[in-house]
Amino acid sequence: MTDLLKPSLTRRSVLQAAAVGAVGINPALRAAVYAQGSDAPEKKEVKIGFIPLTDCASVVMASVLGIDKKYGVTIIPSKEASWAGVRDKLVNGELDFAHVLYGLIYGVHLGTSGPKKDMAILMTLNNNGQAITLSKKLADKGAVDGAGLAKLMASEKREYTFAQTFPTGTHAMWLYYWLAANGINPMSDAKVITVPPPQMVANMRIGNMDGFCVGEPWNHRAIMDGIGITAVTTQDIWKDHPEKVLGTTAEFTQKYPNTARAVTAAILEAGKWIDASLANKNKMAETIAGKAYVNTSVDAINQRILGRYQNGMGKTWDDPNYMKFSGDGAVNFPYLSDGMWFLTQHKRWGLLKEHPDYLAVAKQVNKIDIYKQAASAAKISVPKDVLRTSKLIDGTVWDGKDPKKYADSFKVHA
């Protein structure tokens, strides 16, 4: 009897077919090869931590739609309270993987954001879709953008407080980059505090900060609640910037390589499903708005996920560079240059005292081989180059080719 006629595989094929039907992806038993023999996932059930943010969507939908089962694993999403909590649980093994900040993984790997441990990034979960919110009180005084904020801070001498979500994370780096691009040194001209994403709006409401950088839906929520305005989107700071990643420890990828590949493939396919249609995006918004996930109203999520933006002062626009989850792999590839960029900013702001070997660290952390195997299984295209070129809001171009020179080139730094 051939393998495909064995009863266990017949039952598995029914499960896979059901998952395929649920997500509308070409039916095939392509995962069967990964569900038997030496390619079988070593760990069948995996716990993936996430923070209540819109960009946890592909992790959640891989589980909810049963895409994980196609690859022989069961994803258990685990709602976490803070990025520091995610870090600790990843490091001590309470979580197998996490929806996590790019710079957090690099910070742990180099020991700049807690205990040093070798870490791994398997894929980028999304591009774009974060923002910087300024309080309505500041906006009423003319601080509606970077130039307005700089002018107000120069004229009104007091301590200004801004919040980010983790010291080496993406939101800290977007906030610092934007402030510096407007002539404000975040290290000397302002006080910067760390606040977990779901607590941003409540903290602004009681006056704990003048502005914050966070992921959606919390920027839009601040507008809906009448307490903040969107001063800039992160895609305006860096179009198609890397954001959250699928992170784990290097130890996990060595011990469970097949599991790492299977989970990555499932989440890749879920991201492709989200980006495939308006109906899918709406279904995703309805799902993750629930109490088990982001715990907010659907309308706080589904406007910006469709690129429908408002700034809280009457301006509305359709943004083509809204949050993306796939782009047929363009979003998901763990470019070495993306990882290196965070290191250049960590050096710029004094989080790293010396220049690291930028390329060597990126090669250690970003598991391109596992990604390519997963992309092949999920039928996702792989870019030809491990570096990419981007132009940021201040006109500087980042291509990953001379990170030391780039890190030292900024006029505003720690």
Protein backbone atom coordinates (compact mmCIF):
# COMPACT_ATOMS: atom_id res chain seq x y z
CA MET A 1 0.00 0.00 0.00
CA THR A 2 1.40 3.44 -0.90
CA ASP A 3 1.77 6.13 1.72
CA LEU A 4 -1.10 8.17 0.30
CA LEU A 5 -3.49 5.27 0.82
CA LYS A 6 -2.65 4.76 4.47
CA PRO A 7 -5.64 5.55 6.73
CA SER A 8 -3.70 8.10 8.81
CA LEU A 9 -2.72 10.05 5.73
CA THR A 10 -6.23 9.84 4.34
CA ARG A 11 -7.54 11.47 7.51
CA ARG A 12 -4.78 14.04 7.34
CA SER A 13 -5.63 14.82 3.73
CA VAL A 14 -9.24 15.46 4.75
CA LEU A 15 -8.03 17.93 7.37
CA GLN A 16 -5.77 19.61 4.85
CA ALA A 17 -8.51 19.79 2.26
CA ALA A 18 -10.81 21.39 4.84
CA ALA A 19 -8.17 24.00 5.67
CA VAL A 20 -7.59 24.68 1.98
CA GLY A 21 -11.30 25.11 1.44
CA ALA A 22 -11.52 27.52 4.36
CA VAL A 23 -8.87 29.86 3.01
CA GLY A 24 -9.46 29.52 -0.71
CA ILE A 25 -5.94 28.45 -1.67
CA ASN A 26 -5.23 25.97 -4.47
CA PRO A 27 -6.02 22.46 -3.17
CA ALA A 28 -2.98 20.21 -2.96
CA LEU A 29 -1.48 17.74 -0.58
CA ARG A 30 1.78 19.62 -0.83
CA ALA A 31 2.30 19.50 2.93
CA ALA A 32 2.11 15.70 3.09
CA VAL A 33 5.84 15.42 2.47
CA TYR A 34 6.41 17.56 5.57
CA ALA A 35 4.06 15.51 7.73
CA GLN A 36 5.82 12.17 7.59
CA GLY A 37 9.24 10.60 7.92
CA SER A 38 12.32 12.67 8.65
CA ASP A 39 10.62 15.92 7.56
CA ALA A 40 7.85 15.68 10.17
CA PRO A 41 7.66 18.59 12.62
CA GLU A 42 9.47 17.45 15.76
CA LYS A 43 7.03 19.42 17.92
CA LYS A 44 3.37 19.09 16.91
CA GLU A 45 1.98 21.82 19.18
CA VAL A 46 3.60 25.24 19.44
CA LYS A 47 2.84 28.23 21.62
CA ILE A 48 3.23 31.59 19.88
CA GLY A 49 3.13 34.76 21.96
CA PHE A 50 1.52 37.91 20.59
CA ILE A 51 0.74 41.44 21.74
CA PRO A 52 -2.76 42.85 21.03
CA LEU A 53 -1.96 44.66 17.79
CA THR A 54 -3.35 44.47 14.27
CA ASP A 55 -0.09 42.99 12.99
CA CYS A 56 -0.52 39.79 15.03
CA ALA A 57 -3.10 38.88 12.37
CA SER A 58 -1.19 36.32 10.30
CA VAL A 59 -0.23 34.33 13.41
CA VAL A 60 -3.84 34.33 14.62
CA MET A 61 -5.36 33.53 11.21
CA ALA A 62 -2.93 30.63 10.61
CA SER A 63 -4.46 29.10 13.72
CA VAL A 64 -8.10 30.14 13.27
CA LEU A 65 -8.28 29.01 9.63
CA GLY A 66 -6.50 25.72 10.30
CA ILE A 67 -3.64 26.47 7.91
CA ASP A 68 -1.24 25.24 10.58
CA LYS A 69 -2.73 21.73 10.36
CA LYS A 70 -1.74 21.53 6.69
CA TYR A 71 1.87 21.69 7.77
CA GLY A 72 1.52 19.17 10.59
CA VAL A 73 1.52 21.63 13.52
CA THR A 74 -1.04 23.20 15.84
CA ILE A 75 -0.45 26.86 16.68
CA ILE A 76 -1.65 28.02 20.10
CA PRO A 77 -1.70 31.85 20.15
CA SER A 78 -0.83 33.22 23.60
CA LYS A 79 -1.87 36.78 24.44
CA GLU A 80 0.90 38.63 26.28
CA ALA A 81 0.85 41.87 28.27
CA SER A 82 4.13 43.55 27.28
CA TRP A 83 7.16 43.19 25.03
CA ALA A 84 9.35 42.68 28.08
CA GLY A 85 7.11 39.75 29.00
CA VAL A 86 7.41 38.34 25.48
CA ARG A 87 11.19 38.64 25.68
CA ASP A 88 11.39 36.84 29.02
CA LYS A 89 9.09 34.00 27.96
CA LEU A 90 10.97 33.49 24.69
CA VAL A 91 14.32 33.39 26.47
CA ASN A 92 13.17 30.93 29.15
CA GLY A 93 11.26 28.68 26.75
CA GLU A 94 7.70 29.37 27.95
CA LEU A 95 6.96 30.48 24.38
CA ASP A 96 8.17 28.58 21.33
CA PHE A 97 7.83 31.58 19.00
CA ALA A 98 6.49 35.12 19.16
CA HIS A 99 5.01 37.91 17.08
CA VAL A 100 7.70 40.31 18.16
CA LEU A 101 9.56 43.56 17.49
CA TYR A 102 12.46 43.28 15.04
CA GLY A 103 14.82 45.28 17.26
CA LEU A 104 13.87 43.31 20.37
CA ILE A 105 15.29 40.12 18.89
CA TYR A 106 18.53 41.90 17.93
CA GLY A 107 18.69 43.52 21.36
CA VAL A 108 18.48 40.15 23.12
CA HIS A 109 21.00 38.59 20.71
CA LEU A 110 23.56 41.28 21.57
CA GLY A 111 22.57 41.65 25.22
CA THR A 112 21.44 45.28 24.91
CA SER A 113 17.83 44.66 25.98
CA GLY A 114 18.11 42.09 28.73
CA PRO A 115 19.92 38.78 29.22
CA LYS A 116 22.04 37.86 26.19
CA LYS A 117 20.84 34.82 24.26
CA ASP A 118 21.32 33.69 20.67
CA MET A 119 18.11 34.50 18.82
CA ALA A 120 16.50 33.83 15.46
CA ILE A 121 14.21 35.65 13.05
CA LEU A 122 12.34 33.34 10.69
CA MET A 123 10.30 35.86 8.69
CA THR A 124 9.00 39.42 8.67
CA LEU A 125 5.30 39.36 9.54
CA ASN A 126 4.34 42.75 8.10
CA ASN A 127 5.46 46.04 6.60
CA ASN A 128 4.07 49.49 7.45
CA GLY A 129 0.99 50.29 9.53
CA GLN A 130 2.35 52.02 12.66
CA ALA A 131 2.11 55.73 13.49
CA ILE A 132 3.16 58.52 15.81
CA THR A 133 0.32 60.10 17.77
CA LEU A 134 0.54 63.53 19.39
CA SER A 135 -1.90 64.59 22.09
CA LYS A 136 -4.89 66.73 21.16
CA LYS A 137 -3.57 69.36 23.60
CA LEU A 138 -0.35 69.68 21.56
CA ALA A 139 -2.28 69.70 18.28
CA ASP A 140 -4.46 72.57 19.55
CA LYS A 141 -1.23 74.57 20.01
CA GLY A 142 -0.09 73.89 16.44
CA ALA A 143 1.93 70.69 16.92
CA VAL A 144 0.24 68.66 14.19
CA ASP A 145 3.42 67.42 12.48
CA GLY A 146 7.18 67.30 13.05
CA ALA A 147 7.84 70.94 12.17
CA GLY A 148 4.96 72.11 14.36
CA LEU A 149 6.19 70.00 17.27
CA ALA A 150 9.75 71.34 16.97
CA LYS A 151 8.45 74.92 16.92
CA LEU A 152 6.24 74.38 19.97
CA MET A 153 9.03 72.65 21.92
CA ALA A 154 11.38 75.56 21.15
CA SER A 155 8.88 78.17 22.33
CA GLU A 156 7.35 76.34 25.30
CA LYS A 157 10.24 75.34 27.53
CA ARG A 158 9.13 72.39 29.61
CA GLU A 159 9.79 68.66 29.77
CA TYR A 160 8.14 66.79 26.92
CA THR A 161 7.42 63.08 27.36
CA PHE A 162 7.13 60.58 24.52
CA ALA A 163 6.40 56.88 24.77
CA GLN A 164 7.64 53.91 22.81
CA THR A 165 6.98 50.22 23.41
CA PHE A 166 10.44 48.69 24.02
CA PRO A 167 13.91 50.34 24.21
CA THR A 168 15.47 48.51 21.21
CA GLY A 169 12.21 47.95 19.34
CA THR A 170 10.77 49.28 16.12
CA HIS A 171 8.56 51.96 17.69
CA ALA A 172 11.47 53.44 19.63
CA MET A 173 13.50 53.63 16.42
CA TRP A 174 10.68 55.19 14.34
CA LEU A 175 10.02 57.74 17.10
CA TYR A 176 13.70 58.65 17.48
CA TYR A 177 14.27 58.82 13.72
CA TRP A 178 11.29 61.13 13.17
CA LEU A 179 12.11 63.42 16.08
CA ALA A 180 15.74 63.68 14.92
CA ALA A 181 14.66 64.37 11.33
CA ASN A 182 12.85 67.39 12.75
CA GLY A 183 15.85 68.58 14.77
CA ILE A 184 14.70 67.17 18.10
CA ASN A 185 17.21 64.99 19.94
CA PRO A 186 15.18 62.28 21.73
CA MET A 187 18.02 61.64 24.17
CA SER A 188 18.52 65.23 25.36
CA ASP A 189 15.48 67.29 24.31
CA ALA A 190 12.76 65.00 25.66
CA LYS A 191 11.95 62.32 28.19
CA VAL A 192 11.23 58.92 26.66
CA ILE A 193 9.28 56.24 28.53
CA THR A 194 8.31 52.65 27.76
CA VAL A 195 4.61 51.74 27.75
CA PRO A 196 2.97 48.47 26.55
CA PRO A 197 0.90 49.01 23.37
CA PRO A 198 -2.60 48.36 24.83
CA GLN A 199 -1.90 50.92 27.60
CA MET A 200 -0.91 53.82 25.31
CA VAL A 201 -4.36 55.38 24.89
CA ALA A 202 -5.23 55.20 28.60
CA ASN A 203 -1.90 56.81 29.52
CA MET A 204 -2.37 59.63 27.04
CA ARG A 205 -5.91 60.20 28.32
CA ILE A 206 -4.61 60.94 31.83
CA GLY A 207 -1.76 63.12 30.53
CA ASN A 208 1.23 60.84 31.06
CA MET A 209 2.74 61.63 27.67
CA ASP A 210 2.72 64.22 24.90
CA GLY A 211 3.07 61.68 22.13
CA PHE A 212 3.68 58.02 21.40
CA CYS A 213 4.69 55.63 18.67
CA VAL A 214 2.80 52.34 18.55
CA GLY A 215 1.20 49.87 16.18
CA GLU A 216 -2.43 49.90 15.17
CA PRO A 217 -5.18 49.95 16.21
CA TRP A 218 -4.04 52.19 19.07
CA ASN A 219 -3.27 55.30 16.96
CA HIS A 220 -6.71 55.16 15.33
CA ARG A 221 -8.25 54.41 18.74
CA ALA A 222 -6.73 57.66 20.10
CA ILE A 223 -8.47 59.56 17.29
CA MET A 224 -11.78 57.77 17.88
CA ASP A 225 -11.54 58.66 21.57
CA GLY A 226 -10.75 62.31 20.78
CA ILE A 227 -7.46 62.43 22.69
CA GLY A 228 -4.82 62.31 19.94
CA ILE A 229 -3.97 63.03 16.32
CA THR A 230 -1.78 61.18 13.81
CA ALA A 231 1.28 63.35 13.17
CA VAL A 232 2.98 60.88 10.80
CA THR A 233 2.62 57.27 9.71
CA THR A 234 5.65 55.03 9.86
CA GLN A 235 5.31 54.26 6.15
CA ASP A 236 5.95 57.98 5.61
CA ILE A 237 9.14 57.62 7.65
CA TRP A 238 10.20 54.54 5.65
CA LYS A 239 7.98 53.16 2.92
CA ASP A 240 7.56 49.37 3.28
CA HIS A 241 9.64 49.26 6.43
CA PRO A 242 10.09 45.99 8.30
CA GLU A 243 7.95 45.74 11.42
CA LYS A 244 7.05 42.66 13.48
CA VAL A 245 8.84 39.36 12.93
CA LEU A 246 8.35 35.72 13.78
CA GLY A 247 11.02 35.31 16.44
CA THR A 248 12.40 32.40 18.42
CA THR A 249 15.69 31.31 19.94
CA ALA A 250 18.58 29.97 17.86
CA GLU A 251 18.43 26.91 20.11
CA PHE A 252 14.85 26.19 19.03
CA THR A 253 15.74 26.30 15.33
CA GLN A 254 18.62 23.88 15.93
CA LYS A 255 16.55 21.47 18.00
CA TYR A 256 13.32 21.67 15.96
CA PRO A 257 14.22 22.76 12.40
CA ASN A 258 11.23 21.02 10.78
CA THR A 259 8.85 22.67 13.25
CA ALA A 260 10.40 26.07 12.55
CA ARG A 261 9.92 25.52 8.81
CA ALA A 262 6.34 24.28 9.18
CA VAL A 263 5.25 27.19 11.38
CA THR A 264 6.89 29.71 9.06
CA ALA A 265 5.16 28.17 6.03
CA ALA A 266 1.76 28.25 7.74
CA ILE A 267 2.10 31.92 8.71
CA LEU A 268 3.37 32.81 5.23
CA GLU A 269 0.24 31.27 3.76
CA ALA A 270 -1.98 33.07 6.28
CA GLY A 271 -0.38 36.40 5.34
CA LYS A 272 -1.03 35.67 1.68
CA TRP A 273 -4.66 34.90 2.52
CA ILE A 274 -5.09 38.23 4.38
CA ASP A 275 -3.69 40.28 1.49
CA ALA A 276 -5.68 38.36 -1.14
CA SER A 277 -8.99 40.22 -0.89
CA LEU A 278 -11.09 42.87 0.81
CA ALA A 279 -13.39 40.17 2.17
CA ASN A 280 -10.43 38.38 3.77
CA LYS A 281 -9.20 41.60 5.37
CA ASN A 282 -12.64 42.24 6.83
CA LYS A 283 -12.88 38.68 8.14
CA MET A 284 -9.46 39.10 9.70
CA ALA A 285 -10.50 42.40 11.34
CA GLU A 286 -13.65 40.81 12.77
CA THR A 287 -11.62 37.89 14.12
CA ILE A 288 -8.75 39.74 15.78
CA ALA A 289 -11.03 42.45 17.26
CA GLY A 290 -12.35 39.77 19.63
CA LYS A 291 -11.54 39.66 23.35
CA ALA A 292 -9.11 36.76 22.91
CA TYR A 293 -6.93 38.86 20.62
CA VAL A 294 -6.85 42.68 20.31
CA ASN A 295 -10.06 43.35 22.28
CA THR A 296 -11.32 46.49 20.53
CA SER A 297 -14.10 47.45 18.12
CA VAL A 298 -13.88 46.20 14.54
CA ASP A 299 -14.01 49.77 13.22
CA ALA A 300 -10.82 50.59 15.15
CA ILE A 301 -9.05 47.98 13.01
CA ASN A 302 -10.70 47.75 9.62
CA GLN A 303 -10.24 51.35 8.41
CA ARG A 304 -6.45 51.55 8.42
CA ILE A 305 -6.08 47.90 7.41
CA LEU A 306 -7.80 48.98 4.16
CA GLY A 307 -5.64 52.10 3.80
CA ARG A 308 -8.41 54.49 4.87
CA TYR A 309 -6.69 57.07 7.05
CA GLN A 310 -7.77 60.16 8.98
CA ASN A 311 -5.53 62.34 11.10
CA GLY A 312 -8.06 63.39 13.75
CA MET A 313 -8.27 66.97 12.47
CA GLY A 314 -10.54 66.51 9.49
CA LYS A 315 -8.01 65.29 6.95
CA THR A 316 -8.70 61.91 5.31
CA TRP A 317 -6.72 60.04 2.68
CA ASP A 318 -6.30 56.68 1.01
CA ASP A 319 -2.81 55.39 1.77
CA PRO A 320 -1.47 52.82 -0.74
CA ASN A 321 1.30 51.89 1.74
CA TYR A 322 -0.94 50.53 4.49
CA MET A 323 -0.11 47.43 6.52
CA LYS A 324 0.87 44.54 4.24
CA PHE A 325 1.26 40.90 5.27
CA SER A 326 2.58 39.21 2.12
CA GLY A 327 3.23 40.96 -1.19
CA ASP A 328 3.97 37.43 -2.43
CA GLY A 329 6.97 37.27 -0.12
CA ALA A 330 8.32 40.80 -0.64
CA VAL A 331 7.00 41.66 2.83
CA ASN A 332 8.17 38.48 4.53
CA PHE A 333 11.73 37.90 3.38
CA PRO A 334 14.15 38.45 6.31
CA TYR A 335 16.46 40.84 4.46
CA LEU A 336 19.87 41.08 6.10
CA SER A 337 19.83 44.83 5.46
CA ASP A 338 16.65 45.19 7.54
CA GLY A 339 18.28 43.59 10.57
CA MET A 340 21.45 45.63 10.09
CA TRP A 341 19.45 48.87 9.97
CA PHE A 342 18.23 48.36 13.52
CA LEU A 343 21.81 47.81 14.65
CA THR A 344 22.88 51.10 13.01
CA GLN A 345 20.20 52.91 15.00
CA HIS A 346 21.10 51.11 18.21
CA LYS A 347 24.63 52.40 17.70
CA ARG A 348 23.37 55.88 16.80
CA TRP A 349 21.40 56.19 20.04
CA GLY A 350 24.06 54.72 22.33
CA LEU A 351 22.38 51.36 22.91
CA LEU A 352 25.51 49.82 21.38
CA LYS A 353 28.78 51.36 22.55
CA GLU A 354 30.88 49.97 19.69
CA HIS A 355 30.18 49.05 16.08
CA PRO A 356 29.25 45.38 15.85
CA ASP A 357 30.07 43.22 12.84
CA TYR A 358 26.78 44.24 11.28
CA LEU A 359 26.63 41.66 8.48
CA ALA A 360 27.84 38.78 10.64
CA VAL A 361 25.19 39.47 13.28
CA ALA A 362 22.43 39.70 10.66
CA LYS A 363 23.54 36.38 9.16
CA GLN A 364 23.44 34.78 12.62
CA VAL A 365 19.94 36.04 13.44
CA ASN A 366 18.02 36.03 10.14
CA LYS A 367 17.47 32.36 9.22
CA ILE A 368 17.30 32.73 5.45
CA ASP A 369 17.75 28.99 4.76
CA ILE A 370 14.73 28.03 6.87
CA TYR A 371 12.75 30.87 5.30
CA LYS A 372 13.51 29.68 1.77
CA GLN A 373 12.40 26.13 2.60
CA ALA A 374 9.17 27.44 4.14
CA ALA A 375 8.53 29.77 1.20
CA SER A 376 8.97 26.84 -1.20
CA ALA A 377 6.45 24.78 0.78
CA ALA A 378 3.95 27.67 0.82
CA LYS A 379 4.59 28.56 -2.85
CA ILE A 380 5.79 32.06 -1.99
CA SER A 381 8.32 33.90 -4.17
CA VAL A 382 11.81 34.58 -2.76
CA PRO A 383 13.66 37.82 -3.64
CA LYS A 384 17.01 37.42 -5.38
CA ASP A 385 19.02 39.69 -3.08
CA VAL A 386 19.48 39.57 0.70
CA LEU A 387 19.88 43.38 0.80
CA ARG A 388 17.40 46.03 -0.30
CA THR A 389 17.57 49.79 -0.84
CA SER A 390 15.27 52.32 0.82
CA LYS A 391 15.04 56.10 1.08
CA LEU A 392 13.90 57.42 4.46
CA ILE A 393 12.03 60.58 5.46
CA ASP A 394 15.19 62.67 5.91
CA GLY A 395 16.42 61.82 2.41
CA THR A 396 19.11 59.34 3.51
CA VAL A 397 19.41 56.14 1.52
CA TRP A 398 19.96 52.81 3.27
CA ASP A 399 21.25 49.87 1.24
CA GLY A 400 23.11 47.83 3.85
CA LYS A 401 26.46 48.10 2.04
CA ASP A 402 28.40 50.30 4.51
CA PRO A 403 26.55 50.14 7.85
CA LYS A 404 29.39 51.64 9.90
CA LYS A 405 29.57 54.75 7.70
CA TYR A 406 25.76 55.01 7.70
CA ALA A 407 25.54 54.72 11.51
CA ASP A 408 28.14 57.49 11.93
CA SER A 409 26.58 59.81 9.33
CA PHE A 410 23.73 61.30 11.37
CA LYS A 411 24.02 64.84 12.73
CA VAL A 412 21.53 64.14 15.52
CA HIS A 413 22.65 61.25 17.71
CA ALA A 414 23.22 60.28 21.34
